[in-house]
Amino acid sequence: MKASRLNNIKDIAALLILVGFVALVAGAVMPRLQADQLRFLEERYISEQRRVVSQTVENAGLRIASLNASLARDGVSPERAERAALELLGLERYGINGYGYFYAYDYSGAVLLHPVLPELVGRRLDDIRSPAGENMGELFRDALGGGRSAFVEYSWTAPGRTEPERKTAFILRLDRPAWYIVSGFYHSDLEESLDGYARLTSESLRRNRTVLGSVMLAAFASLAALAFALRSSILATEKESARQLLSLERYKLILDESSMVSRTDTRGVITYVNDAFCETTGFSRAEAIGKNQSIERHPDTPLEAFKELWTTIEAGNVWRGVIKNRKADGSSYYKRATIVPMLDESGAVAEYISSGQDVTEIVEKNRDIEDAFLTDPLTGLGNRIHLLRDIERTADPCVSLIDIDGFSSLNRALGTQAGDAVLRQMAEVVLDLAMERGATAYRVQADEFAVLMARSGDRDVAECAEAISRRVKDARIDIGGSPTAIIARIGIAKGGKDSFLLADDALKRAKAARKMVHVYDPSDADASGAALGNLETLRIVVEALERDRVYVAFQPIVDVSTREIVKYECLMRMEDGKGNVVMPDAVLDLCKKTDRYHRLTMRVIELSIEAFRHNGFQFSINFSVDDLMNPETVSFLVSEAREKGVSGRLVVEIVETEELRDFEGASEVIERLRDQGILISVDDFGSGYSNFEYLLKLDPDFVKLDRSIVQGLVADERAREMTKSVVRFAKASGMRTVAEFIDSEELLSEIRELGVDYAQGWLFGKAERTLA
């Protein structure tokens, strides 16, 4: 009994000794354990928060890139797309109670977005200091070190607080748009929890180091509470990540439904294709995946195009363009593609993602339209624009111009239908002789045809002159059922890119001398003098283009009822090397025989659109029939107007309308311009070829009365009646009328009485280099 009790006492004593020893040891090591626990909790918290923030910023970057690409495909300008992306980014929040937000700055360091401190927007990071005096621009650049992303720690004041504290932020560089986006977390929440925990344990230790149970309990309680809070934060972040992942899946679904999508590694080996890719190309997934992307390469696409593509994407840049590809069955298709390099954590290219659409129908339709623009509708031969383009591409060209003598008299005597029949038969004659010599035939204008030969020596030119004259002499054309010989005048010249111009001069000399053929001879003083004069004029034009001496003068157009300026006409001017003003009439006819003419038109388009880009005035640009029927010029006009946002205020004024014969082709162009919101005006109505049927075919928005009619209004009753008829017809057709050359109050009163809508002339202002 006693032994048992003694044993019990011994056991209790041992337990007490053990408890005392544990308490003593615990009292000694507790402060160190406390410090170790604090360091562990801080490292765990920061590590987890860094992971959450970096993942959230990366996901935001993907959403911005996807939105930017989607808006670009819809034709939205880069500026509008960036504004939309900033607005969406500014609304995004994440984390518990939505505490997390994003801010952004561009590559120059200018702050673009800061939802919490909007006063920072527009300031450069180099001009912003942290409460500790740190230069934010230098701090961020040093952290990035030229890389794509980085963490940075600095001092900042949290929203709703007054004292600065530590903040950790994650910076991510985007390629499109050219931004950096940033988000981070403050250390205050952790520090407050850890400070409370330290105070609690320290007070307990000082009060009674033996009361370890309560201290440990408090510690475990604090740890449990902190763990619970940390777990809640992780769960909320995971929930946010799941939502973002769902959004990305939706974006992927939209992309897969609307585009061909493929993915390749850095060697060009295909790792993924979607259904649209398989449907368009005819390659199954099994046939495509694992193969090099060159299975799509079409032999018609030059290697230089692929080299340029790979150079772009290997440098980490996005490539965009239209490329001709090969389908599985060997047929071709055109793809408008966007290829995006995807970067890994180190900023190196990891893979490439391509999305695109099949634009074969659009490309082929545009090609058909261009072919129509370059073809004479009556004969099927190439037109003057086609000839000029081919001369530019031909080595050592020789041009022969063939003009039917007396054709205008024949056309008047027999009628247009018989005249057209003669032109078609003459086209066959010219085409046959061109094909015999490996040359190309064209109808330049009215009854004038051309033959273009390449790489011709002097002997070839002489033989060509003899062959053409012989063939024309022997030709018989059916006129009214009777085979009839024709008389033609022929001018031939070999003069490089100016061969057309020199051949035209030779043709004029053949007509003047009443001989069949005249070959341009540079040793002929008279011919050389005239040719040199023309070439000097062209030199002035080229020099004006190259040295910015081409400019636009603006003449105001007023509302007749109010005399208020409502729009302007843009008129081309240029200066020679001595500062003398060169008027268009002195150079344009000559330039039409070379490529300089269309270069002048494009320069006028650029200058005019830029001048009216930022004001609300309507403005008009003169377009000759040559301009209207030139697909490159029309495409340039449409592109410039759309890009600069002036399509709804731009008026294309068609001049020299008497040269227009292909109404069907012209109507197609006008319809294309109207689709862009561009208005149409017809100049000099009432002269030459113009009539009311002509207006019905073109259906312009404005009709400009011919100068001869306007200036005859005061003294000529016929001019008044003509003007009344035009105004009445225009109003009934929804067109508005413009009277030019108004230089007196008397003329203004006349047109006001007749109901003309707008007036232009020296009474309101001359054409000036600057806007009024």
Foldseek 3Di string as FASTA:
>chain_A
DVVVVVVVVVVVVVVVVVLVVCLVVCLVCVVVVLVVVLVVVLVVLVVVQVVLQVLVQVLLLVVLVLQQVVVVVVVHDLVVSVVVSQVVQLPDFAFVVRQKHKWKDAPQQATCDDNQCVVSHRPGQQPDAAPVGDRRVVQVCVQCVPWFKGKGKDWHAGPPGDHIAIKIKIWGAHVRVGMIMMITDTCVVSVVLSVVLVVLLVVVSVVPSSPVVVNVVVVVVSVVVSVVVSVVRVVRSVVVVVVSVVVVVVSVVVLLVAWWKWKFWLVQATQDTGPVVCVVQVADCVRRHRHHPCQFPDPVFDVVVVVVCSVQVQVQHKDWDKDWTAGPVGDIFIKGKIKGFDADPRRHGGMIMMITDTCRVVVVVVVVLQQVLQADVLQRAGELVVVQVVLQVFAQKKKKKKAFPPLVVVCVVQHVVLSSQQQNLVQVLQQVLLVVVVWGKYAYARRMIMIMDGPDDPVNQVVSQVSVLVSLQPAFGQGVNDTHRTAMAMFMEGDRSCNLLLSVLQSVVCVVVVHRYGYQDCVPVVSVVVVVVLVVLVVQLVVQLVVVQKAWFWFFKAFLVPRHGAATETAIWGAGPVRDIDHCVVRQVSCSSHPSNLVSLLVSLVRVCVQCLPDDHAYEYEDEPSLLSNVVNLVSNLVSCVNSVNLQRYEYEYPPCLRDDPLVSSQVSLVVSVVSNYFYEYEQAPDHPHDVVVCVSNVGQEYEHHQVLLVCQVPDVVSLVVLLVVCVSQVVSNHAYEYEADDDVVSSVSVVVSPHGMYTHPNSHDGGRHDD
